[in-house]
């Protein structure tokens, strides 16, 4: 997803999924009245990057889905405390 030409079918599909995911995250973040549209979109990109790196990191290759989700939740909590 990081490398390749955006017109390649699989690459384009991955970018589309990423964009939809970021839109969904931004929609949730906008529920916080303190965040404007631009801030929610930027934070959604950061959360998306955290998710991608957690899923793609070689250190997590043997991790369970629950373990990866726990890692993502921990990083999200550090970034966006409740």
N, C-alpha and C. Protein backbone atom coordinates (compact mmCIF):
# COMPACT_ATOMS: atom_id res chain seq x y z
N UNK A 1 0.81 -1.19 0.00
CA UNK A 1 0.00 0.00 0.00
C UNK A 1 0.87 1.26 0.00
N UNK A 2 2.03 1.17 0.58
CA UNK A 2 2.90 2.34 0.66
C UNK A 2 3.57 2.62 -0.68
N UNK A 3 3.94 1.57 -1.39
CA UNK A 3 4.63 1.72 -2.66
C UNK A 3 3.72 1.30 -3.80
N UNK A 4 4.04 1.70 -4.97
CA UNK A 4 3.24 1.34 -6.12
C UNK A 4 2.51 2.53 -6.68
N UNK A 5 1.98 2.33 -7.85
CA UNK A 5 1.28 3.40 -8.54
C UNK A 5 -0.21 3.35 -8.18
N UNK A 6 -0.80 4.50 -7.85
CA UNK A 6 -2.19 4.53 -7.41
C UNK A 6 -3.20 4.05 -8.45
N UNK A 7 -2.78 3.92 -9.71
CA UNK A 7 -3.70 3.42 -10.73
C UNK A 7 -3.69 1.90 -10.83
N UNK A 8 -2.73 1.25 -10.18
CA UNK A 8 -2.73 -0.21 -10.17
C UNK A 8 -3.95 -0.67 -9.38
N UNK A 9 -4.70 -1.67 -9.89
CA UNK A 9 -5.97 -2.05 -9.27
C UNK A 9 -5.90 -2.35 -7.77
N UNK A 10 -4.99 -3.15 -7.34
CA UNK A 10 -4.92 -3.51 -5.92
C UNK A 10 -4.49 -2.31 -5.07
N UNK A 11 -3.58 -1.55 -5.61
CA UNK A 11 -3.12 -0.35 -4.90
C UNK A 11 -4.28 0.63 -4.76
N UNK A 12 -5.02 0.83 -5.82
CA UNK A 12 -6.18 1.73 -5.80
C UNK A 12 -7.22 1.24 -4.79
N UNK A 13 -7.47 -0.07 -4.75
CA UNK A 13 -8.42 -0.63 -3.78
C UNK A 13 -7.97 -0.35 -2.35
N UNK A 14 -6.69 -0.55 -2.09
CA UNK A 14 -6.16 -0.30 -0.74
C UNK A 14 -6.30 1.16 -0.36
N UNK A 15 -6.01 2.05 -1.28
CA UNK A 15 -6.15 3.48 -1.01
C UNK A 15 -7.61 3.86 -0.77
N UNK A 16 -8.51 3.24 -1.50
CA UNK A 16 -9.94 3.49 -1.32
C UNK A 16 -10.39 3.04 0.06
N UNK A 17 -9.96 1.86 0.48
CA UNK A 17 -10.31 1.35 1.81
C UNK A 17 -9.76 2.28 2.88
N UNK A 18 -8.53 2.73 2.69
CA UNK A 18 -7.91 3.64 3.65
C UNK A 18 -8.70 4.95 3.74
N UNK A 19 -9.08 5.49 2.61
CA UNK A 19 -9.83 6.75 2.61
C UNK A 19 -11.18 6.58 3.31
N UNK A 20 -11.86 5.48 3.06
CA UNK A 20 -13.15 5.23 3.72
C UNK A 20 -12.97 5.05 5.23
N UNK A 21 -11.91 4.38 5.60
CA UNK A 21 -11.63 4.19 7.03
C UNK A 21 -11.37 5.53 7.70
N UNK A 22 -10.56 6.35 7.06
CA UNK A 22 -10.26 7.67 7.62
C UNK A 22 -11.52 8.54 7.72
N UNK A 23 -12.40 8.44 6.74
CA UNK A 23 -13.66 9.19 6.79
C UNK A 23 -14.52 8.73 7.97
N UNK A 24 -14.55 7.41 8.20
CA UNK A 24 -15.33 6.88 9.32
C UNK A 24 -14.74 7.32 10.66
N UNK A 25 -13.44 7.29 10.77
CA UNK A 25 -12.77 7.72 12.00
C UNK A 25 -13.03 9.20 12.23
N UNK A 26 -12.91 10.00 11.19
CA UNK A 26 -13.15 11.45 11.31
C UNK A 26 -14.59 11.72 11.75
N UNK A 27 -15.53 10.95 11.24
CA UNK A 27 -16.94 11.13 11.64
C UNK A 27 -17.11 10.89 13.14
N UNK A 28 -16.44 9.87 13.65
CA UNK A 28 -16.50 9.61 15.09
C UNK A 28 -15.84 10.74 15.87
N UNK A 29 -14.69 11.18 15.40
CA UNK A 29 -13.97 12.25 16.09
C UNK A 29 -14.75 13.56 16.10
N UNK A 30 -15.52 13.81 15.05
CA UNK A 30 -16.30 15.05 14.99
C UNK A 30 -17.41 15.08 16.03
N UNK A 31 -17.71 13.96 16.64
CA UNK A 31 -18.70 13.96 17.73
C UNK A 31 -18.23 14.81 18.90
N UNK A 32 -16.91 14.96 19.01
CA UNK A 32 -16.33 15.82 20.02
C UNK A 32 -16.43 17.25 19.50
N UNK A 33 -17.26 18.04 20.14
CA UNK A 33 -17.53 19.40 19.66
C UNK A 33 -16.29 20.30 19.68
N UNK A 34 -15.26 19.88 20.40
CA UNK A 34 -14.03 20.68 20.43
C UNK A 34 -13.22 20.56 19.16
N UNK A 35 -13.51 19.53 18.35
CA UNK A 35 -12.74 19.29 17.13
C UNK A 35 -13.48 19.83 15.92
N UNK A 36 -12.78 20.59 15.13
CA UNK A 36 -13.33 21.05 13.87
C UNK A 36 -13.09 20.01 12.79
N UNK A 37 -13.59 20.29 11.62
CA UNK A 37 -13.47 19.37 10.47
C UNK A 37 -12.01 19.05 10.15
N UNK A 38 -11.18 20.08 10.07
CA UNK A 38 -9.77 19.87 9.70
C UNK A 38 -9.04 19.07 10.77
N UNK A 39 -9.27 19.38 12.04
CA UNK A 39 -8.60 18.63 13.11
C UNK A 39 -9.04 17.17 13.13
N UNK A 40 -10.33 16.94 12.95
CA UNK A 40 -10.83 15.56 12.93
C UNK A 40 -10.22 14.78 11.77
N UNK A 41 -10.12 15.41 10.61
CA UNK A 41 -9.53 14.74 9.44
C UNK A 41 -8.05 14.44 9.67
N UNK A 42 -7.32 15.38 10.26
CA UNK A 42 -5.90 15.17 10.52
C UNK A 42 -5.70 14.05 11.54
N UNK A 43 -6.46 14.08 12.62
CA UNK A 43 -6.34 13.03 13.63
C UNK A 43 -6.75 11.67 13.06
N UNK A 44 -7.72 11.65 12.17
CA UNK A 44 -8.12 10.40 11.54
C UNK A 44 -6.97 9.82 10.71
N UNK A 45 -6.22 10.67 10.04
CA UNK A 45 -5.06 10.20 9.28
C UNK A 45 -4.01 9.61 10.21
N UNK A 46 -3.82 10.23 11.36
CA UNK A 46 -2.85 9.72 12.33
C UNK A 46 -3.29 8.37 12.87
N UNK A 47 -4.56 8.25 13.24
CA UNK A 47 -5.08 6.98 13.74
C UNK A 47 -4.97 5.91 12.66
N UNK A 48 -5.27 6.27 11.43
CA UNK A 48 -5.14 5.32 10.32
C UNK A 48 -3.70 4.85 10.17
N UNK A 49 -2.76 5.76 10.30
CA UNK A 49 -1.34 5.40 10.21
C UNK A 49 -0.94 4.46 11.34
N UNK A 50 -1.44 4.72 12.54
CA UNK A 50 -1.16 3.84 13.68
C UNK A 50 -1.69 2.44 13.38
N UNK A 51 -2.91 2.38 12.86
CA UNK A 51 -3.50 1.08 12.54
C UNK A 51 -2.67 0.34 11.49
N UNK A 52 -2.30 1.05 10.43
CA UNK A 52 -1.53 0.43 9.36
C UNK A 52 -0.20 -0.11 9.88
N UNK A 53 0.52 0.71 10.62
CA UNK A 53 1.82 0.28 11.13
C UNK A 53 1.70 -0.88 12.11
N UNK A 54 0.67 -0.86 12.94
CA UNK A 54 0.48 -1.96 13.88
C UNK A 54 0.20 -3.27 13.14
N UNK A 55 -0.56 -3.19 12.07
CA UNK A 55 -0.89 -4.41 11.31
C UNK A 55 0.27 -4.86 10.43
N UNK A 56 1.11 -3.93 9.98
CA UNK A 56 2.17 -4.26 9.04
C UNK A 56 3.52 -4.51 9.69
N UNK A 57 3.68 -4.14 10.95
CA UNK A 57 4.98 -4.23 11.60
C UNK A 57 5.43 -5.68 11.74
N UNK A 58 6.67 -5.94 11.36
CA UNK A 58 7.20 -7.30 11.47
C UNK A 58 7.22 -7.79 12.91
N UNK A 59 7.35 -6.88 13.85
CA UNK A 59 7.35 -7.26 15.26
C UNK A 59 6.01 -7.87 15.67
N UNK A 60 4.95 -7.54 14.95
CA UNK A 60 3.62 -8.07 15.25
C UNK A 60 3.23 -9.25 14.37
N UNK A 61 4.16 -9.78 13.59
CA UNK A 61 3.85 -10.87 12.67
C UNK A 61 3.24 -12.08 13.37
N UNK A 62 3.70 -12.36 14.56
CA UNK A 62 3.19 -13.53 15.28
C UNK A 62 2.09 -13.15 16.28
N UNK A 63 1.75 -11.88 16.33
CA UNK A 63 0.75 -11.42 17.30
C UNK A 63 -0.64 -11.86 16.88
N UNK A 64 -1.49 -12.06 17.85
CA UNK A 64 -2.88 -12.40 17.58
C UNK A 64 -3.64 -11.13 17.18
N UNK A 65 -4.81 -11.32 16.61
CA UNK A 65 -5.64 -10.17 16.27
C UNK A 65 -5.95 -9.37 17.53
N UNK A 66 -6.26 -10.07 18.62
CA UNK A 66 -6.54 -9.37 19.88
C UNK A 66 -5.32 -8.58 20.36
N UNK A 67 -4.15 -9.14 20.18
CA UNK A 67 -2.92 -8.45 20.58
C UNK A 67 -2.69 -7.19 19.77
N UNK A 68 -2.93 -7.28 18.47
CA UNK A 68 -2.77 -6.10 17.61
C UNK A 68 -3.82 -5.05 17.96
N UNK A 69 -5.05 -5.48 18.20
CA UNK A 69 -6.10 -4.53 18.60
C UNK A 69 -5.75 -3.85 19.91
N UNK A 70 -5.20 -4.59 20.83
CA UNK A 70 -4.78 -4.03 22.12
C UNK A 70 -3.69 -2.98 21.90
N UNK A 71 -2.75 -3.28 21.02
CA UNK A 71 -1.69 -2.33 20.70
C UNK A 71 -2.27 -1.06 20.08
N UNK A 72 -3.19 -1.21 19.14
CA UNK A 72 -3.82 -0.06 18.49
C UNK A 72 -4.61 0.76 19.52
N UNK A 73 -5.35 0.09 20.39
CA UNK A 73 -6.11 0.80 21.42
C UNK A 73 -5.19 1.60 22.35
N UNK A 74 -4.06 1.00 22.71
CA UNK A 74 -3.11 1.69 23.58
C UNK A 74 -2.53 2.93 22.93
N UNK A 75 -2.18 2.81 21.66
CA UNK A 75 -1.64 3.97 20.95
C UNK A 75 -2.71 5.03 20.74
N UNK A 76 -3.92 4.60 20.46
CA UNK A 76 -5.03 5.56 20.32
C UNK A 76 -5.29 6.30 21.62
N UNK A 77 -5.22 5.58 22.74
CA UNK A 77 -5.44 6.20 24.04
C UNK A 77 -4.34 7.23 24.36
N UNK A 78 -3.12 6.94 23.94
CA UNK A 78 -2.02 7.88 24.17
C UNK A 78 -2.22 9.14 23.30
N UNK A 79 -2.76 8.96 22.13
CA UNK A 79 -2.97 10.06 21.20
C UNK A 79 -4.22 10.85 21.53
N UNK A 80 -5.30 10.14 21.83
CA UNK A 80 -6.61 10.77 22.06
C UNK A 80 -7.17 10.32 23.40
N UNK A 81 -6.65 10.84 24.48
CA UNK A 81 -7.18 10.41 25.78
C UNK A 81 -8.65 10.77 25.92
N UNK A 82 -9.39 9.90 26.56
CA UNK A 82 -10.84 10.13 26.74
C UNK A 82 -11.10 11.24 27.72
